[in-house]
N, C-alpha and C. Protein backbone atom coordinates (compact mmCIF):
# COMPACT_ATOMS: atom_id res chain seq x y z
N UNK A 1 157.35 -65.86 150.98
CA UNK A 1 158.60 -64.97 151.07
C UNK A 1 158.44 -63.54 151.44
N UNK A 2 157.05 -63.13 151.40
CA UNK A 2 156.92 -61.80 151.49
C UNK A 2 157.48 -61.23 152.93
N UNK A 3 157.36 -61.96 154.07
CA UNK A 3 157.74 -61.32 155.42
C UNK A 3 159.37 -61.24 155.22
N UNK A 4 160.10 -62.01 154.43
CA UNK A 4 161.48 -62.03 154.39
C UNK A 4 161.97 -60.95 153.54
N UNK A 5 161.15 -60.23 152.88
CA UNK A 5 161.41 -59.26 151.94
C UNK A 5 161.08 -57.74 152.26
N UNK A 6 160.36 -57.66 153.34
CA UNK A 6 159.70 -56.45 153.72
C UNK A 6 160.74 -55.61 154.58
N UNK A 7 160.39 -54.26 154.59
CA UNK A 7 161.05 -53.35 155.41
C UNK A 7 160.20 -53.22 156.81
N UNK A 8 160.82 -52.97 157.90
CA UNK A 8 160.12 -52.89 159.15
C UNK A 8 160.92 -51.84 159.97
N UNK A 9 160.48 -51.69 161.18
CA UNK A 9 161.13 -50.91 162.15
C UNK A 9 162.43 -51.05 162.38
N UNK A 10 162.84 -52.46 162.64
CA UNK A 10 164.38 -52.76 163.09
C UNK A 10 165.10 -53.23 161.75
N UNK A 11 164.41 -53.72 160.74
CA UNK A 11 165.12 -54.01 159.47
C UNK A 11 164.58 -52.99 158.43
N UNK A 12 165.00 -51.80 158.59
CA UNK A 12 164.54 -50.73 157.75
C UNK A 12 165.27 -50.74 156.18
N UNK A 13 164.99 -51.73 155.56
CA UNK A 13 165.65 -51.93 154.23
C UNK A 13 165.29 -50.83 153.16
N UNK A 14 164.33 -49.94 153.50
CA UNK A 14 164.09 -48.95 152.52
C UNK A 14 164.73 -47.50 152.98
N UNK A 15 165.38 -47.48 154.12
CA UNK A 15 165.99 -46.34 154.53
C UNK A 15 167.00 -45.97 153.55
N UNK A 16 167.13 -44.50 153.23
CA UNK A 16 167.98 -44.09 152.15
C UNK A 16 169.34 -44.60 152.29
N UNK A 17 170.05 -44.62 153.52
CA UNK A 17 171.31 -45.13 153.62
C UNK A 17 171.49 -46.62 153.34
N UNK A 18 170.48 -47.35 153.65
CA UNK A 18 170.60 -48.75 153.42
C UNK A 18 170.40 -48.97 151.88
N UNK A 19 169.47 -48.31 151.29
CA UNK A 19 169.27 -48.47 149.87
C UNK A 19 170.46 -48.15 148.99
N UNK A 20 171.16 -46.99 149.40
CA UNK A 20 172.35 -46.55 148.74
C UNK A 20 173.58 -47.54 148.95
N UNK A 21 173.69 -47.97 150.20
CA UNK A 21 174.89 -48.96 150.42
C UNK A 21 174.61 -50.14 149.77
N UNK A 22 173.29 -50.74 149.84
CA UNK A 22 172.98 -52.03 149.10
C UNK A 22 173.37 -51.88 147.43
N UNK A 23 172.94 -50.77 146.96
CA UNK A 23 173.20 -50.34 145.48
C UNK A 23 174.74 -50.32 145.18
N UNK A 24 175.64 -49.46 146.21
CA UNK A 24 177.05 -49.45 145.94
C UNK A 24 177.66 -50.87 146.01
N UNK A 25 177.34 -51.57 147.00
CA UNK A 25 177.99 -53.04 147.14
C UNK A 25 177.60 -53.86 145.95
N UNK A 26 176.41 -53.82 145.45
CA UNK A 26 176.10 -54.81 144.39
C UNK A 26 176.56 -54.38 143.04
N UNK A 27 177.02 -53.13 142.91
CA UNK A 27 177.59 -52.59 141.61
C UNK A 27 178.71 -53.61 141.05
N UNK A 28 178.65 -54.13 140.01
CA UNK A 28 179.68 -54.88 139.36
C UNK A 28 179.54 -56.32 139.71
N UNK A 29 178.70 -56.86 140.43
CA UNK A 29 178.51 -58.24 140.88
C UNK A 29 177.82 -58.84 139.78
N UNK A 30 178.35 -60.21 139.60
CA UNK A 30 177.81 -60.95 138.37
C UNK A 30 176.56 -61.70 138.39
N UNK A 31 176.13 -61.99 139.69
CA UNK A 31 174.96 -62.68 140.03
C UNK A 31 174.64 -62.45 141.57
N UNK A 32 173.50 -63.05 141.75
CA UNK A 32 172.84 -62.89 143.10
C UNK A 32 173.68 -63.47 144.25
N UNK A 33 174.48 -64.56 143.96
CA UNK A 33 175.26 -65.21 145.03
C UNK A 33 176.57 -64.20 145.26
N UNK A 34 176.99 -63.55 144.12
CA UNK A 34 178.07 -62.68 144.27
C UNK A 34 177.62 -61.51 145.18
N UNK A 35 176.50 -60.95 144.98
CA UNK A 35 175.96 -59.89 145.79
C UNK A 35 175.69 -60.32 147.30
N UNK A 36 175.37 -61.53 147.60
CA UNK A 36 175.14 -61.84 149.01
C UNK A 36 176.58 -62.01 149.55
N UNK A 37 177.44 -62.54 148.88
CA UNK A 37 178.87 -62.75 149.42
C UNK A 37 179.38 -61.31 149.79
N UNK A 38 179.18 -60.40 148.90
CA UNK A 38 179.76 -58.94 149.13
C UNK A 38 178.98 -58.32 150.37
N UNK A 39 177.72 -58.49 150.44
CA UNK A 39 177.07 -57.88 151.57
C UNK A 39 177.57 -58.59 153.02
N UNK A 40 177.52 -59.81 152.84
CA UNK A 40 177.93 -60.57 154.04
C UNK A 40 179.52 -60.16 154.40
N UNK A 41 180.37 -60.17 153.58
CA UNK A 41 181.83 -59.61 153.96
C UNK A 41 181.76 -58.21 154.46
N UNK A 42 181.06 -57.34 153.90
CA UNK A 42 180.82 -55.97 154.31
C UNK A 42 180.52 -55.97 155.78
N UNK A 43 179.35 -56.60 156.00
CA UNK A 43 178.86 -56.39 157.42
C UNK A 43 179.89 -57.23 158.37
N UNK A 44 180.41 -58.44 158.03
CA UNK A 44 181.41 -59.13 158.80
C UNK A 44 182.56 -58.29 159.10
N UNK A 45 183.04 -57.78 158.03
CA UNK A 45 184.43 -57.09 158.23
C UNK A 45 184.62 -55.55 158.37
N UNK A 46 183.53 -55.01 157.91
CA UNK A 46 183.60 -53.45 158.02
C UNK A 46 182.74 -52.78 159.20
N UNK A 47 181.77 -53.67 159.64
CA UNK A 47 180.98 -53.03 160.85
C UNK A 47 181.63 -53.85 162.03
N UNK A 48 181.89 -53.07 163.05
CA UNK A 48 182.72 -53.63 164.10
C UNK A 48 181.69 -54.27 165.22
N UNK A 49 182.09 -55.29 165.81
CA UNK A 49 181.39 -55.95 166.77
C UNK A 49 181.55 -55.11 168.04
N UNK A 50 180.40 -54.57 168.68
CA UNK A 50 180.25 -53.69 169.74
C UNK A 50 181.10 -54.22 170.96
N UNK A 51 181.17 -55.49 171.36
CA UNK A 51 181.83 -55.91 172.41
C UNK A 51 183.33 -56.03 172.07
N UNK A 52 183.69 -56.64 170.97
CA UNK A 52 185.11 -56.68 170.53
C UNK A 52 185.84 -55.51 170.54
N UNK A 53 185.19 -54.43 170.11
CA UNK A 53 185.80 -53.11 170.08
C UNK A 53 185.41 -52.22 171.05
N UNK A 54 184.61 -52.61 172.07
CA UNK A 54 183.98 -51.79 173.09
C UNK A 54 183.33 -50.36 172.54
N UNK A 55 182.75 -50.41 171.60
CA UNK A 55 182.12 -49.40 170.88
C UNK A 55 180.75 -49.00 171.13
N UNK A 56 180.50 -47.87 171.54
CA UNK A 56 179.20 -47.27 171.69
C UNK A 56 178.98 -46.48 170.48
N UNK A 57 177.59 -46.12 170.19
CA UNK A 57 176.47 -46.50 171.03
C UNK A 57 175.98 -47.86 170.74
N UNK A 58 175.04 -48.25 171.49
CA UNK A 58 174.39 -49.55 171.24
C UNK A 58 173.35 -49.28 170.13
N UNK A 59 173.50 -50.14 169.09
CA UNK A 59 172.62 -50.04 167.92
C UNK A 59 171.60 -51.30 167.95
N UNK A 60 170.58 -50.84 167.20
CA UNK A 60 169.55 -52.16 167.02
C UNK A 60 168.98 -51.85 165.63
N UNK A 61 168.54 -50.74 165.18
CA UNK A 61 167.91 -50.57 163.89
C UNK A 61 168.99 -50.68 162.87
N UNK A 62 168.60 -51.36 161.75
CA UNK A 62 169.60 -51.59 160.63
C UNK A 62 170.47 -50.31 160.25
N UNK A 63 169.70 -49.24 160.04
CA UNK A 63 170.34 -48.09 159.44
C UNK A 63 171.27 -47.51 160.51
N UNK A 64 170.84 -47.46 161.76
CA UNK A 64 171.93 -47.05 162.89
C UNK A 64 173.11 -47.92 162.84
N UNK A 65 172.93 -49.25 162.57
CA UNK A 65 174.21 -49.95 162.62
C UNK A 65 175.24 -49.59 161.65
N UNK A 66 174.52 -49.30 160.26
CA UNK A 66 175.22 -48.86 159.15
C UNK A 66 175.95 -47.37 159.52
N UNK A 67 175.11 -46.54 159.88
CA UNK A 67 175.53 -45.11 160.10
C UNK A 67 176.67 -45.13 161.24
N UNK A 68 176.62 -45.91 162.38
CA UNK A 68 177.59 -45.91 163.46
C UNK A 68 178.65 -46.75 163.19
N UNK A 69 178.52 -47.71 162.42
CA UNK A 69 179.55 -48.75 161.88
C UNK A 69 179.91 -49.69 163.06
N UNK A 70 178.90 -49.92 163.86
CA UNK A 70 179.04 -50.98 165.09
C UNK A 70 177.76 -51.47 165.41
N UNK A 71 177.82 -52.82 166.00
CA UNK A 71 176.56 -53.40 166.44
C UNK A 71 177.11 -54.68 167.17
N UNK A 72 176.21 -55.24 167.90
CA UNK A 72 176.36 -56.62 168.45
C UNK A 72 175.92 -57.40 167.45
N UNK A 73 176.10 -58.72 167.68
CA UNK A 73 175.81 -59.78 166.50
C UNK A 73 174.38 -59.55 165.99
N UNK A 74 173.50 -59.30 167.06
CA UNK A 74 172.09 -59.23 166.64
C UNK A 74 171.79 -57.95 165.73
N UNK A 75 172.38 -56.89 166.12
CA UNK A 75 172.19 -55.63 165.32
C UNK A 75 172.87 -55.83 163.84
N UNK A 76 174.02 -56.57 163.90
CA UNK A 76 174.71 -56.71 162.68
C UNK A 76 173.82 -57.54 161.77
N UNK A 77 173.14 -58.65 162.35
CA UNK A 77 172.27 -59.47 161.56
C UNK A 77 171.13 -58.61 161.10
N UNK A 78 170.57 -57.61 161.66
CA UNK A 78 169.53 -56.67 161.19
C UNK A 78 170.02 -55.98 160.08
N UNK A 79 171.22 -55.44 160.05
CA UNK A 79 171.80 -54.69 158.92
C UNK A 79 172.03 -55.67 157.73
N UNK A 80 172.44 -56.82 157.82
CA UNK A 80 172.77 -57.76 156.83
C UNK A 80 171.28 -58.10 156.15
N UNK A 81 170.31 -58.42 157.08
CA UNK A 81 169.01 -58.71 156.39
C UNK A 81 168.47 -57.49 155.68
N UNK A 82 168.68 -56.23 156.21
CA UNK A 82 168.23 -55.13 155.47
C UNK A 82 168.78 -54.88 154.03
N UNK A 83 170.06 -55.11 154.09
CA UNK A 83 170.82 -54.84 152.79
C UNK A 83 170.43 -55.93 151.69
N UNK A 84 170.30 -57.07 152.08
CA UNK A 84 169.63 -58.28 151.40
C UNK A 84 168.34 -57.99 150.94
N UNK A 85 167.37 -57.51 151.84
CA UNK A 85 166.00 -57.20 151.30
C UNK A 85 165.98 -56.13 150.45
N UNK A 86 166.73 -55.05 150.65
CA UNK A 86 166.85 -53.78 149.84
C UNK A 86 167.06 -54.24 148.32
N UNK A 87 167.74 -55.33 148.25
CA UNK A 87 168.06 -55.66 146.85
C UNK A 87 167.06 -56.92 146.38
N UNK A 88 165.97 -57.20 147.11
CA UNK A 88 165.04 -58.06 146.77
C UNK A 88 165.52 -59.56 146.93
N UNK A 89 166.40 -59.65 147.79
CA UNK A 89 166.93 -61.03 148.26
C UNK A 89 166.31 -61.47 149.65
N UNK A 90 165.50 -62.54 149.73
CA UNK A 90 164.87 -63.02 150.97
C UNK A 90 166.02 -63.28 152.05
N UNK A 91 165.77 -62.61 153.24
CA UNK A 91 166.67 -62.81 154.26
C UNK A 91 165.87 -62.77 155.60
N UNK A 92 166.30 -63.65 156.67
CA UNK A 92 165.57 -63.81 157.79
C UNK A 92 166.78 -63.82 158.92
N UNK A 93 166.28 -63.93 160.18
CA UNK A 93 167.06 -63.94 161.42
C UNK A 93 167.07 -65.44 162.11
N UNK A 94 168.17 -65.83 162.44
CA UNK A 94 168.31 -67.08 163.19
C UNK A 94 168.98 -67.02 164.40
N UNK A 95 168.94 -67.78 165.38
CA UNK A 95 169.51 -67.62 166.73
C UNK A 95 170.13 -69.01 167.17
N UNK A 96 171.21 -68.93 167.93
CA UNK A 96 171.74 -69.94 168.64
C UNK A 96 171.60 -69.60 170.03
N UNK A 97 171.59 -70.59 170.95
CA UNK A 97 171.57 -70.54 172.38
C UNK A 97 172.86 -70.91 172.89
N UNK A 98 173.86 -70.21 173.24
CA UNK A 98 175.10 -70.65 173.49
C UNK A 98 175.52 -70.52 175.12
N UNK A 99 176.37 -71.22 175.58
CA UNK A 99 176.79 -70.83 176.82
C UNK A 99 177.84 -69.86 176.84
N UNK A 100 178.00 -68.95 177.84
CA UNK A 100 178.60 -67.64 177.77
C UNK A 100 180.27 -68.11 177.84
N UNK A 101 180.42 -69.16 178.67
CA UNK A 101 181.91 -69.63 178.86
C UNK A 101 182.19 -71.05 178.15
N UNK A 102 181.14 -71.55 177.58
CA UNK A 102 181.36 -72.80 176.75
C UNK A 102 181.34 -74.06 177.58
N UNK A 103 181.17 -73.91 178.98
CA UNK A 103 181.13 -75.11 179.77
C UNK A 103 179.92 -75.28 180.67
N UNK A 104 179.22 -74.24 180.90
CA UNK A 104 178.16 -74.18 181.88
C UNK A 104 177.23 -73.01 181.68
N UNK A 105 175.98 -72.96 182.27
CA UNK A 105 175.22 -71.78 182.16
C UNK A 105 175.97 -70.54 182.97
N UNK A 106 175.67 -69.39 182.71
CA UNK A 106 174.64 -68.91 181.96
C UNK A 106 174.60 -68.96 180.43
N UNK A 107 173.42 -68.78 179.91
CA UNK A 107 173.30 -68.94 178.41
C UNK A 107 173.02 -67.57 177.82
N UNK A 108 173.35 -67.27 176.50
CA UNK A 108 172.81 -66.07 175.90
C UNK A 108 172.56 -66.48 174.41
N UNK A 109 171.90 -65.64 173.68
CA UNK A 109 171.47 -65.88 172.42
C UNK A 109 172.46 -65.24 171.48
N UNK A 110 172.85 -65.82 170.39
CA UNK A 110 173.69 -65.29 169.30
C UNK A 110 172.90 -65.21 168.11
N UNK A 111 173.01 -64.01 167.57
CA UNK A 111 172.08 -63.80 166.31
C UNK A 111 172.92 -64.09 164.99
N UNK A 112 172.22 -64.53 163.91
CA UNK A 112 172.79 -64.83 162.79
C UNK A 112 171.75 -64.56 161.66
N UNK A 113 171.91 -64.83 160.28
CA UNK A 113 171.07 -64.77 159.35
C UNK A 113 170.86 -65.94 158.48
N UNK A 114 169.78 -65.93 157.90
CA UNK A 114 169.35 -67.10 156.92
C UNK A 114 169.08 -66.25 155.57
N UNK A 115 169.62 -66.49 154.56
CA UNK A 115 169.38 -66.05 153.20
C UNK A 115 168.96 -67.05 152.15
N UNK A 116 167.82 -66.63 151.37
CA UNK A 116 167.48 -67.62 150.44
C UNK A 116 168.19 -67.55 149.17
N UNK A 117 169.00 -68.52 148.91
CA UNK A 117 169.85 -68.61 147.54
C UNK A 117 169.11 -69.44 146.59
N UNK A 118 168.80 -69.07 145.41
CA UNK A 118 168.16 -69.72 144.26
C UNK A 118 168.59 -71.14 144.33
N UNK A 119 169.94 -71.44 144.23
CA UNK A 119 170.57 -72.60 143.98
C UNK A 119 170.51 -73.74 145.17
N UNK A 120 170.48 -73.16 146.27
CA UNK A 120 170.58 -73.93 147.61
C UNK A 120 169.33 -73.82 148.50
N UNK A 121 168.43 -72.90 148.33
CA UNK A 121 167.44 -72.57 149.36
C UNK A 121 167.91 -71.82 150.57
N UNK A 122 167.32 -72.00 151.66
CA UNK A 122 167.90 -71.17 152.82
C UNK A 122 169.14 -71.70 153.23
N UNK A 123 170.04 -70.80 153.46
CA UNK A 123 171.36 -70.89 153.91
C UNK A 123 171.87 -69.88 154.95
N UNK A 124 172.31 -70.42 156.12
CA UNK A 124 172.71 -69.52 157.33
C UNK A 124 174.09 -69.04 156.94
N UNK A 125 174.11 -67.67 157.39
CA UNK A 125 175.34 -66.94 157.38
C UNK A 125 175.52 -66.27 158.70
N UNK A 126 176.77 -66.07 159.01
CA UNK A 126 177.03 -65.46 160.41
C UNK A 126 178.03 -64.27 160.20
N UNK A 127 177.71 -62.98 160.11
CA UNK A 127 178.54 -61.87 159.95
C UNK A 127 178.93 -61.28 161.41
N UNK A 128 178.92 -62.02 162.31
CA UNK A 128 179.29 -61.50 163.59
C UNK A 128 180.62 -60.66 163.54
N UNK A 129 181.55 -61.08 162.93
CA UNK A 129 182.80 -60.66 162.91
C UNK A 129 183.90 -61.54 163.21
N UNK A 130 184.88 -61.78 162.51
CA UNK A 130 186.12 -62.76 162.79
C UNK A 130 187.00 -62.10 163.86
N UNK A 131 187.47 -63.06 164.54
CA UNK A 131 188.72 -62.80 165.43
C UNK A 131 189.41 -64.04 165.77
N UNK A 132 190.41 -64.01 166.56
CA UNK A 132 191.07 -65.34 166.97
C UNK A 132 190.03 -66.36 167.50
N UNK A 133 189.91 -67.49 166.97
CA UNK A 133 188.95 -68.45 167.35
C UNK A 133 187.42 -68.37 166.82
N UNK A 134 187.36 -67.38 166.00
CA UNK A 134 186.12 -67.11 165.22
C UNK A 134 186.43 -67.01 163.85
N UNK A 135 185.95 -67.73 162.91
CA UNK A 135 186.18 -67.85 161.45
C UNK A 135 184.94 -68.19 160.67
N UNK A 136 183.96 -67.17 160.44
CA UNK A 136 182.84 -67.53 159.64
C UNK A 136 183.17 -66.99 158.26
N UNK A 137 182.43 -67.72 157.46
CA UNK A 137 182.48 -67.41 155.84
C UNK A 137 181.35 -67.70 155.24
N UNK A 138 181.41 -67.25 154.00
CA UNK A 138 180.24 -67.50 152.98
C UNK A 138 180.80 -68.66 152.02
N UNK A 139 180.38 -69.75 152.01
CA UNK A 139 180.92 -70.86 151.14
C UNK A 139 179.86 -71.89 150.88
N UNK A 140 178.69 -71.49 150.33
CA UNK A 140 177.53 -72.48 150.10
C UNK A 140 178.05 -73.49 149.14
N UNK A 141 177.22 -74.77 149.31
CA UNK A 141 176.37 -75.06 150.40
C UNK A 141 176.77 -75.29 151.67
N UNK A 142 178.01 -75.25 151.99
CA UNK A 142 178.53 -75.53 153.28
C UNK A 142 178.41 -74.15 154.28
N UNK A 143 177.94 -74.59 155.47
CA UNK A 143 177.82 -73.53 156.47
C UNK A 143 179.08 -73.40 157.31
N UNK A 144 179.54 -72.08 157.51
CA UNK A 144 180.77 -71.93 158.18
C UNK A 144 180.32 -70.83 159.22
N UNK A 145 179.82 -71.18 160.28
CA UNK A 145 179.29 -70.17 161.31
C UNK A 145 180.35 -69.67 162.23
N UNK A 146 180.04 -68.70 162.92
CA UNK A 146 180.94 -68.14 163.97
C UNK A 146 181.31 -69.17 165.16
N UNK A 147 180.13 -69.79 165.50
CA UNK A 147 180.23 -70.66 166.66
C UNK A 147 179.49 -72.13 166.43
N UNK A 148 180.21 -73.19 166.75
CA UNK A 148 179.58 -74.41 166.52
C UNK A 148 178.89 -74.98 167.84
N UNK A 149 177.99 -75.54 167.82
CA UNK A 149 177.32 -76.12 169.02
C UNK A 149 178.22 -77.25 169.46
N UNK A 150 178.79 -77.11 170.79
CA UNK A 150 179.81 -77.91 171.30
C UNK A 150 179.48 -78.79 172.42
N UNK A 151 178.32 -78.48 173.17
CA UNK A 151 177.95 -79.38 174.08
C UNK A 151 176.43 -79.46 174.07
N UNK A 152 176.01 -80.30 174.87
CA UNK A 152 174.50 -80.74 174.94
C UNK A 152 173.67 -79.51 175.57
N UNK A 153 174.45 -78.50 176.09
CA UNK A 153 173.58 -77.40 176.81
C UNK A 153 173.34 -76.26 175.79
N UNK A 154 174.03 -76.47 174.54
CA UNK A 154 173.76 -75.37 173.49
C UNK A 154 172.85 -75.88 172.44
N UNK A 155 172.22 -75.00 171.61
CA UNK A 155 171.48 -75.67 170.57
C UNK A 155 171.25 -74.28 169.43
N UNK A 156 170.95 -74.79 168.39
CA UNK A 156 170.56 -74.08 167.20
C UNK A 156 169.00 -73.87 167.43
N UNK A 157 168.55 -72.72 167.61
CA UNK A 157 167.18 -72.57 167.96
C UNK A 157 166.41 -72.83 166.51
N UNK A 158 165.23 -73.33 166.44
CA UNK A 158 164.47 -73.74 165.14
C UNK A 158 163.95 -72.41 164.53
N UNK A 159 163.82 -72.55 163.36
CA UNK A 159 163.13 -71.44 162.73
C UNK A 159 163.94 -70.37 162.01
N UNK A 160 163.32 -69.51 161.20
CA UNK A 160 163.84 -68.51 160.49
C UNK A 160 162.83 -67.28 160.87
N UNK A 161 163.31 -66.45 161.37
CA UNK A 161 162.20 -65.29 161.94
C UNK A 161 162.59 -64.07 160.91
N UNK A 162 161.43 -63.38 160.47
CA UNK A 162 161.21 -62.20 159.80
C UNK A 162 161.63 -61.01 160.54
N UNK A 163 161.38 -61.06 161.82
CA UNK A 163 161.71 -59.89 162.71
C UNK A 163 162.44 -60.44 163.91
N UNK A 164 163.16 -59.47 164.60
CA UNK A 164 164.01 -59.88 165.71
C UNK A 164 163.25 -60.41 166.81
N UNK A 165 163.78 -61.12 167.84
CA UNK A 165 163.02 -61.74 169.08
C UNK A 165 162.93 -60.57 170.09
N UNK A 166 161.77 -60.59 170.62
CA UNK A 166 161.60 -59.54 171.68
C UNK A 166 162.68 -59.49 172.70
N UNK A 167 163.22 -60.46 173.16
CA UNK A 167 164.36 -60.49 174.09
C UNK A 167 165.49 -59.72 173.45
N UNK A 168 165.68 -59.89 172.26
CA UNK A 168 166.80 -59.06 171.61
C UNK A 168 166.66 -57.63 171.58
N UNK A 169 165.50 -57.16 171.21
CA UNK A 169 165.10 -55.86 171.12
C UNK A 169 165.09 -55.13 172.53
N UNK A 170 164.72 -55.85 173.48
CA UNK A 170 164.79 -55.49 174.78
C UNK A 170 166.13 -54.99 175.21
N UNK A 171 167.08 -56.11 174.91
CA UNK A 171 168.50 -55.86 175.21
C UNK A 171 169.04 -54.56 174.55
N UNK A 172 168.84 -54.48 173.42
CA UNK A 172 169.39 -53.60 172.62
C UNK A 172 168.73 -51.96 172.76
N UNK A 173 167.62 -52.13 173.47
CA UNK A 173 166.95 -50.75 173.55
C UNK A 173 166.78 -50.28 174.90
N UNK A 174 167.00 -51.22 175.88
CA UNK A 174 166.96 -50.65 177.25
C UNK A 174 168.26 -50.34 177.89
N UNK A 175 169.40 -50.72 177.29
CA UNK A 175 170.49 -50.43 177.91
C UNK A 175 171.47 -49.45 177.03
N UNK A 176 172.12 -48.68 177.63
CA UNK A 176 172.62 -47.42 176.97
C UNK A 176 174.12 -47.70 176.51
N UNK A 177 174.89 -48.69 177.29
CA UNK A 177 176.34 -48.86 176.72
C UNK A 177 176.50 -50.44 176.45
N UNK A 178 177.67 -50.54 175.81
CA UNK A 178 178.03 -51.94 175.31
C UNK A 178 178.23 -52.81 176.61
N UNK A 179 178.68 -52.09 177.70
CA UNK A 179 179.07 -53.03 178.96
C UNK A 179 177.62 -53.50 179.48
N UNK A 180 176.74 -52.46 179.61
CA UNK A 180 175.40 -52.92 180.12
C UNK A 180 174.79 -53.93 179.40
N UNK A 181 174.93 -54.08 178.06
CA UNK A 181 174.34 -55.01 177.27
C UNK A 181 174.98 -56.28 177.56
N UNK A 182 176.37 -56.22 177.63
CA UNK A 182 177.13 -57.38 177.92
C UNK A 182 176.66 -58.15 179.17
N UNK A 183 176.52 -57.27 180.16
CA UNK A 183 175.87 -57.86 181.47
C UNK A 183 174.49 -58.23 181.47
N UNK A 184 173.86 -58.10 180.45
CA UNK A 184 172.28 -58.37 180.35
C UNK A 184 172.03 -58.93 178.96
N UNK A 185 173.05 -59.79 178.40
CA UNK A 185 172.91 -60.44 177.22
C UNK A 185 171.40 -61.22 177.06
N UNK A 186 170.67 -61.06 175.94
CA UNK A 186 169.45 -61.73 175.88
C UNK A 186 169.45 -63.18 175.86
N UNK A 187 168.49 -63.79 176.41
CA UNK A 187 168.45 -65.27 176.36
C UNK A 187 166.87 -65.51 176.52
N UNK A 188 166.59 -66.67 175.85
CA UNK A 188 165.23 -67.28 175.92
C UNK A 188 165.29 -68.74 176.15
N UNK A 189 164.28 -69.32 176.88
CA UNK A 189 164.23 -70.80 177.16
C UNK A 189 163.89 -71.26 175.66
N UNK A 190 164.20 -72.52 175.36
CA UNK A 190 164.10 -73.01 174.01
C UNK A 190 162.61 -73.13 173.72
N UNK A 191 161.66 -72.96 174.59
CA UNK A 191 160.28 -73.17 174.13
C UNK A 191 159.75 -71.77 173.97
N UNK A 192 160.25 -70.68 174.33
CA UNK A 192 159.89 -69.17 174.26
C UNK A 192 160.15 -68.70 172.80
N UNK A 193 161.19 -69.11 172.04
CA UNK A 193 161.48 -68.64 170.80
C UNK A 193 160.37 -68.82 169.76
């Protein structure tokens, strides 16, 4: 579990702002599951999805996401992982490969999280941010993700990652505006991840 508890460049769970927010959100929670739910709902509902709100700057590092209050799904997953890790709860990153229009290529990655819950083991959660047609929730042991795999061209990429995929870091650090990121969304072939 050690890789899923550590602080790193992009999941900077020991940053003072992350530590303070994690402590604030955990206050009054009865148990670990309540803490996870509170962190999830905070990132899902209070951190604006960059493309939905057309909000700059482009963020990547968890503390930047928290400070600016915005991020693409990938960046939001970095923040959620950092909050969880700051409280000693194992958390990783997961990805789906989705078609952009739902019917045909091109593809892009979608970032979400997995958290280790004592009662259930690894459980995927998606704090992307709800909107019409997107309704993710925290309701273990059932998964309620933002996007379902709806055709044979899409897939849940296997594995739980301790660190973001290189393609994600590239997209979030090379482009300066949300529009530039949107026109260059990260993708990997299934064999690359």
